[in-house]
C-alpha atoms as a PDB file:
ATOM      1  CA  MET A   1      26.585  14.874   8.588  1.00  0.00           C
ATOM      2  CA  ILE A   2      25.013  12.625  11.241  1.00  0.00           C
ATOM      3  CA  ALA A   3      21.786  14.627  11.086  1.00  0.00           C
ATOM      4  CA  ASP A   4      21.651  14.074   7.308  1.00  0.00           C
ATOM      5  CA  ILE A   5      21.993  10.312   7.739  1.00  0.00           C
ATOM      6  CA  ILE A   6      19.239  10.196  10.360  1.00  0.00           C
ATOM      7  CA  THR A   7      16.959  12.472   8.306  1.00  0.00           C
ATOM      8  CA  GLU A   8      17.410  10.286   5.226  1.00  0.00           C
ATOM      9  CA  ALA A   9      16.718   7.122   7.252  1.00  0.00           C
ATOM     10  CA  GLU A  10      13.538   8.649   8.734  1.00  0.00           C
ATOM     11  CA  PHE A  11      12.417   9.695   5.243  1.00  0.00           C
ATOM     12  CA  LYS A  12      12.844   6.127   3.974  1.00  0.00           C
ATOM     13  CA  MET A  13      11.035   4.748   7.039  1.00  0.00           C
ATOM     14  CA  ALA A  14       8.115   7.142   6.496  1.00  0.00           C
ATOM     15  CA  GLY A  15       8.028   5.972   2.879  1.00  0.00           C
ATOM     16  CA  ALA A  16       7.697   2.377   4.080  1.00  0.00           C
ATOM     17  CA  VAL A  17       4.731   3.345   6.275  1.00  0.00           C
ATOM     18  CA  GLU A  18       3.068   5.119   3.326  1.00  0.00           C
ATOM     19  CA  TYR A  19       3.713   2.059   1.159  1.00  0.00           C
ATOM     20  CA  ALA A  20       1.977  -0.132   3.741  1.00  0.00           C
ATOM     21  CA  LYS A  21      -1.029   2.231   3.834  1.00  0.00           C
ATOM     22  CA  GLU A  22      -1.312   2.149   0.026  1.00  0.00           C
ATOM     23  CA  GLU A  23      -1.050  -1.629  -0.049  1.00  0.00           C
ATOM     24  CA  PHE A  24      -3.709  -1.969   2.666  1.00  0.00           C
ATOM     25  CA  ALA A  25      -6.042   0.342   0.746  1.00  0.00           C
ATOM     26  CA  ALA A  26      -5.871  -2.037  -2.210  1.00  0.00           C
ATOM     27  CA  ILE A  27      -7.001  -4.986  -0.066  1.00  0.00           C
ATOM     28  CA  ARG A  28     -10.720  -5.445  -0.398  1.00  0.00           C
ATOM     29  CA  THR A  29     -12.937  -5.228   2.656  1.00  0.00           C
ATOM     30  CA  GLY A  30     -16.693  -5.641   2.863  1.00  0.00           C
ATOM     31  CA  ARG A  31     -17.203  -2.073   1.621  1.00  0.00           C
ATOM     32  CA  ALA A  32     -16.524  -0.772  -1.858  1.00  0.00           C
ATOM     33  CA  HIS A  33     -13.927   1.962  -2.361  1.00  0.00           C
ATOM     34  CA  PRO A  34     -12.088   3.254  -5.436  1.00  0.00           C
ATOM     35  CA  ALA A  35      -8.647   2.467  -3.954  1.00  0.00           C
ATOM     36  CA  MET A  36      -9.350  -1.224  -4.621  1.00  0.00           C
ATOM     37  CA  PHE A  37      -8.638  -0.500  -8.282  1.00  0.00           C
ATOM     38  CA  ASN A  38      -5.322   1.348  -7.754  1.00  0.00           C
ATOM     39  CA  LYS A  39      -3.096  -1.562  -8.802  1.00  0.00           C
ATOM     40  CA  ILE A  40      -5.170  -2.626 -11.828  1.00  0.00           C
ATOM     41  CA  THR A  41      -4.036  -1.645 -15.306  1.00  0.00           C
ATOM     42  CA  ALA A  42      -5.841  -2.061 -18.630  1.00  0.00           C
ATOM     43  CA  GLU A  43      -4.443  -2.417 -22.127  1.00  0.00           C
ATOM     44  CA  TYR A  44      -5.297   0.896 -23.832  1.00  0.00           C
ATOM     45  CA  TYR A  45      -3.937   1.631 -27.303  1.00  0.00           C
ATOM     46  CA  GLY A  46      -1.120  -0.861 -26.782  1.00  0.00           C
ATOM     47  CA  ALA A  47       0.006   0.566 -23.436  1.00  0.00           C
ATOM     48  CA  SER A  48      -0.672  -0.744 -19.941  1.00  0.00           C
ATOM     49  CA  THR A  49      -2.585   2.149 -18.332  1.00  0.00           C
ATOM     50  CA  PRO A  50      -3.838   2.493 -14.713  1.00  0.00           C
ATOM     51  CA  LEU A  51      -7.630   2.476 -14.441  1.00  0.00           C
ATOM     52  CA  GLN A  52      -7.603   5.849 -12.636  1.00  0.00           C
ATOM     53  CA  GLN A  53      -6.360   7.422 -15.882  1.00  0.00           C
ATOM     54  CA  LEU A  54      -9.109   5.792 -17.950  1.00  0.00           C
ATOM     55  CA  ALA A  55     -12.264   6.348 -15.891  1.00  0.00           C
ATOM     56  CA  THR A  56     -14.026   7.957 -12.952  1.00  0.00           C
ATOM     57  CA  PHE A  57     -15.096   5.916  -9.945  1.00  0.00           C
ATOM     58  CA  GLN A  58     -18.240   6.421  -7.872  1.00  0.00           C
ATOM     59  CA  VAL A  59     -19.492   4.416  -4.903  1.00  0.00           C
ATOM     60  CA  PRO A  60     -23.320   4.679  -4.891  1.00  0.00           C
ATOM     61  CA  ASP A  61     -23.686   2.156  -2.042  1.00  0.00           C
ATOM     62  CA  ALA A  62     -21.533   0.029   0.257  1.00  0.00           C
ATOM     63  CA  ARG A  63     -21.087  -2.891  -2.143  1.00  0.00           C
ATOM     64  CA  MET A  64     -21.149  -1.276  -5.590  1.00  0.00           C
ATOM     65  CA  VAL A  65     -18.672   0.738  -7.645  1.00  0.00           C
ATOM     66  CA  LEU A  66     -19.757   2.581 -10.773  1.00  0.00           C
ATOM     67  CA  ILE A  67     -16.946   3.099 -13.286  1.00  0.00           C
ATOM     68  CA  THR A  68     -17.484   5.584 -16.115  1.00  0.00           C
ATOM     69  CA  PRO A  69     -14.759   5.520 -18.800  1.00  0.00           C
ATOM     70  CA  TYR A  70     -13.603   8.822 -20.298  1.00  0.00           C
ATOM     71  CA  ASP A  71     -13.408   7.092 -23.680  1.00  0.00           C
ATOM     72  CA  ALA A  72     -16.170   4.605 -24.556  1.00  0.00           C
ATOM     73  CA  SER A  73     -13.731   2.576 -26.683  1.00  0.00           C
ATOM     74  CA  SER A  74     -11.782   1.647 -23.532  1.00  0.00           C
ATOM     75  CA  MET A  75     -14.822   0.043 -21.866  1.00  0.00           C
ATOM     76  CA  ASN A  76     -14.038  -3.543 -22.940  1.00  0.00           C
ATOM     77  CA  ALA A  77     -10.382  -3.218 -21.890  1.00  0.00           C
ATOM     78  CA  ILE A  78     -11.391  -1.889 -18.445  1.00  0.00           C
ATOM     79  CA  GLU A  79     -13.985  -4.621 -18.007  1.00  0.00           C
ATOM     80  CA  LYS A  80     -11.454  -7.321 -18.955  1.00  0.00           C
ATOM     81  CA  ALA A  81      -8.813  -5.899 -16.592  1.00  0.00           C
ATOM     82  CA  ILE A  82     -11.254  -5.934 -13.668  1.00  0.00           C
ATOM     83  CA  ARG A  83     -12.450  -9.448 -14.489  1.00  0.00           C
ATOM     84  CA  ASP A  84      -8.836 -10.731 -14.708  1.00  0.00           C
ATOM     85  CA  SER A  85      -7.767  -9.002 -11.465  1.00  0.00           C
ATOM     86  CA  ASP A  86      -7.592 -10.714  -8.071  1.00  0.00           C
ATOM     87  CA  LEU A  87     -10.685  -8.864  -6.787  1.00  0.00           C
ATOM     88  CA  GLY A  88     -12.920 -11.840  -7.550  1.00  0.00           C
ATOM     89  CA  VAL A  89     -15.710  -9.750  -9.095  1.00  0.00           C
ATOM     90  CA  ASN A  90     -17.641  -9.898 -12.355  1.00  0.00           C
ATOM     91  CA  PRO A  91     -18.267  -6.425 -13.820  1.00  0.00           C
ATOM     92  CA  SER A  92     -21.379  -5.688 -15.885  1.00  0.00           C
ATOM     93  CA  ASN A  93     -21.450  -3.220 -18.753  1.00  0.00           C
ATOM     94  CA  ASP A  94     -24.518  -1.142 -19.658  1.00  0.00           C
ATOM     95  CA  GLY A  95     -22.936   0.650 -22.635  1.00  0.00           C
ATOM     96  CA  LYS A  96     -22.061   3.866 -20.766  1.00  0.00           C
ATOM     97  CA  SER A  97     -20.614   2.622 -17.502  1.00  0.00           C
ATOM     98  CA  ILE A  98     -19.395  -0.500 -15.750  1.00  0.00           C
ATOM     99  CA  ARG A  99     -21.016  -1.698 -12.534  1.00  0.00           C
ATOM    100  CA  VAL A 100     -18.967  -3.759 -10.127  1.00  0.00           C
ATOM    101  CA  THR A 101     -21.020  -5.383  -7.384  1.00  0.00           C
ATOM    102  CA  LEU A 102     -18.909  -6.835  -4.605  1.00  0.00           C
ATOM    103  CA  PRO A 103     -20.121 -10.107  -3.114  1.00  0.00           C
ATOM    104  CA  GLN A 104     -20.184 -10.587   0.642  1.00  0.00           C
ATOM    105  CA  LEU A 105     -16.826 -11.757   1.939  1.00  0.00           C
ATOM    106  CA  THR A 106     -16.740 -15.304   3.269  1.00  0.00           C
ATOM    107  CA  GLU A 107     -14.940 -16.106   6.516  1.00  0.00           C
ATOM    108  CA  ASP A 108     -12.181 -17.923   4.593  1.00  0.00           C
ATOM    109  CA  ARG A 109     -11.694 -14.991   2.228  1.00  0.00           C
ATOM    110  CA  ARG A 110     -11.471 -12.583   5.189  1.00  0.00           C
ATOM    111  CA  LYS A 111      -8.771 -14.739   6.795  1.00  0.00           C
ATOM    112  CA  GLU A 112      -6.932 -14.861   3.480  1.00  0.00           C
ATOM    113  CA  TYR A 113      -7.019 -11.058   3.250  1.00  0.00           C
ATOM    114  CA  ILE A 114      -5.749 -10.755   6.833  1.00  0.00           C
ATOM    115  CA  LYS A 115      -2.799 -13.022   5.963  1.00  0.00           C
ATOM    116  CA  LEU A 116      -2.110 -10.864   2.914  1.00  0.00           C
ATOM    117  CA  ALA A 117      -2.230  -7.704   5.045  1.00  0.00           C
ATOM    118  CA  ARG A 118       0.191  -9.214   7.574  1.00  0.00           C
ATOM    119  CA  THR A 119       2.593 -10.152   4.774  1.00  0.00           C
ATOM    120  CA  LYS A 120       2.485  -6.618   3.390  1.00  0.00           C
ATOM    121  CA  ALA A 121       3.027  -5.198   6.895  1.00  0.00           C
ATOM    122  CA  GLU A 122       6.070  -7.441   7.368  1.00  0.00           C
ATOM    123  CA  ASP A 123       7.459  -6.254   4.014  1.00  0.00           C
ATOM    124  CA  ALA A 124       7.091  -2.671   5.225  1.00  0.00           C
ATOM    125  CA  ARG A 125       8.784  -3.510   8.569  1.00  0.00           C
ATOM    126  CA  ILE A 126      11.663  -5.126   6.670  1.00  0.00           C
ATOM    127  CA  SER A 127      12.012  -1.941   4.632  1.00  0.00           C
ATOM    128  CA  VAL A 128      12.138   0.140   7.846  1.00  0.00           C
ATOM    129  CA  ARG A 129      14.805  -2.147   9.305  1.00  0.00           C
ATOM    130  CA  GLY A 130      16.747  -1.950   6.028  1.00  0.00           C
ATOM    131  CA  ALA A 131      16.769   1.847   6.238  1.00  0.00           C
ATOM    132  CA  ARG A 132      18.012   1.568   9.828  1.00  0.00           C
ATOM    133  CA  ARG A 133      20.769  -0.860   8.813  1.00  0.00           C
ATOM    134  CA  THR A 134      21.922   1.421   5.975  1.00  0.00           C
ATOM    135  CA  ALA A 135      22.073   4.418   8.312  1.00  0.00           C
ATOM    136  CA  LYS A 136      23.887   2.420  11.010  1.00  0.00           C
ATOM    137  CA  ASP A 137      26.461   1.218   8.481  1.00  0.00           C
ATOM    138  CA  ALA A 138      27.057   4.835   7.400  1.00  0.00           C
ATOM    139  CA  LEU A 139      27.497   5.875  11.038  1.00  0.00           C
ATOM    140  CA  ASP A 140      29.910   2.995  11.709  1.00  0.00           C
ATOM    141  CA  LYS A 141      31.942   3.994   8.642  1.00  0.00           C
ATOM    142  CA  MET A 142      32.173   7.563   9.972  1.00  0.00           C
ATOM    143  CA  VAL A 143      33.577   6.267  13.272  1.00  0.00           C
ATOM    144  CA  LYS A 144      35.993   3.968  11.459  1.00  0.00           C
ATOM    145  CA  ASP A 145      37.219   6.860   9.295  1.00  0.00           C
ATOM    146  CA  LYS A 146      37.531   8.967  12.481  1.00  0.00           C
ATOM    147  CA  GLU A 147      35.206  11.665  11.111  1.00  0.00           C
ATOM    148  CA  VAL A 148      33.124  11.742  14.315  1.00  0.00           C
ATOM    149  CA  GLY A 149      33.415  10.500  17.871  1.00  0.00           C
ATOM    150  CA  GLU A 150      31.832   7.339  19.239  1.00  0.00           C
ATOM    151  CA  ASP A 151      29.665   9.289  21.704  1.00  0.00           C
ATOM    152  CA  GLU A 152      28.004  11.199  18.877  1.00  0.00           C
ATOM    153  CA  VAL A 153      27.351   7.969  16.986  1.00  0.00           C
ATOM    154  CA  THR A 154      25.904   6.325  20.110  1.00  0.00           C
ATOM    155  CA  ARG A 155      23.459   9.231  20.498  1.00  0.00           C
ATOM    156  CA  ALA A 156      22.611   9.007  16.790  1.00  0.00           C
ATOM    157  CA  GLU A 157      21.993   5.263  17.088  1.00  0.00           C
ATOM    158  CA  LYS A 158      19.566   5.888  19.932  1.00  0.00           C
ATOM    159  CA  GLN A 159      17.724   8.387  17.715  1.00  0.00           C
ATOM    160  CA  LEU A 160      17.755   5.834  14.914  1.00  0.00           C
ATOM    161  CA  ASP A 161      16.344   3.124  17.188  1.00  0.00           C
ATOM    162  CA  ALA A 162      13.582   5.479  18.378  1.00  0.00           C
ATOM    163  CA  ALA A 163      12.678   6.331  14.776  1.00  0.00           C
ATOM    164  CA  THR A 164      12.656   2.637  13.859  1.00  0.00           C
ATOM    165  CA  LYS A 165      10.335   1.835  16.759  1.00  0.00           C
ATOM    166  CA  LYS A 166       8.060   4.768  15.927  1.00  0.00           C
ATOM    167  CA  HIS A 167       7.679   3.684  12.304  1.00  0.00           C
ATOM    168  CA  THR A 168       7.231  -0.051  13.008  1.00  0.00           C
ATOM    169  CA  ASP A 169       4.599   0.864  15.609  1.00  0.00           C
ATOM    170  CA  ALA A 170       2.851   2.996  12.973  1.00  0.00           C
ATOM    171  CA  ILE A 171       2.827   0.027  10.590  1.00  0.00           C
ATOM    172  CA  ASP A 172       1.441  -2.216  13.344  1.00  0.00           C
ATOM    173  CA  GLU A 173      -1.264   0.361  14.088  1.00  0.00           C
ATOM    174  CA  VAL A 174      -2.313   0.538  10.427  1.00  0.00           C
ATOM    175  CA  LEU A 175      -2.327  -3.280  10.254  1.00  0.00           C
ATOM    176  CA  LYS A 176      -4.483  -3.502  13.379  1.00  0.00           C
ATOM    177  CA  GLY A 177      -6.990  -1.082  11.839  1.00  0.00           C
ATOM    178  CA  LYS A 178      -7.093  -3.083   8.604  1.00  0.00           C
ATOM    179  CA  GLU A 179      -7.604  -6.364  10.477  1.00  0.00           C
ATOM    180  CA  THR A 180     -10.480  -4.810  12.441  1.00  0.00           C
ATOM    181  CA  GLU A 181     -11.991  -3.523   9.195  1.00  0.00           C
ATOM    182  CA  LEU A 182     -11.668  -6.971   7.574  1.00  0.00           C
ATOM    183  CA  LEU A 183     -13.288  -8.765  10.506  1.00  0.00           C
ATOM    184  CA  GLU A 184     -16.337  -6.452  10.512  1.00  0.00           C
ATOM    185  CA  VAL A 185     -19.384  -8.263   9.197  1.00  0.00           C
END
């Protein structure tokens, strides 16, 4: 029973770390990469559809992304979605594909992205701590209901604290890597 609670908490904590990695991938750096478009959706036949389902993405050089729609009729919708996104880019359409050239990041924009990354990292840490709190409450309830002894719960809490530290450290490590990547000129 205790092992199940700890396993579930660790699973949720690992999910928070993965969430942070996905969020960081969507933050633009000086280099182009298809993950920047993960959160963007386009209106396609009346439905909001992720761009990954509408087109292929290629990165011919460090500051350009070439987007080739599967269906040529979706080109205008994709172009509009990219233009309206928070990427700050202006796509160009040549009839068959869409070119997105990324401008150089200014110092202010880099600092803004670092703040955004820190906010997303804190959200992930809060999620890890929430998973810990939920597990601790379940353990405390087991002691209160006299299902297990206090010694077992104390050992489980130590395991829980170690897992919490491991996962928050992983988030901090990913954040540090993203900050380094953002500060590269």
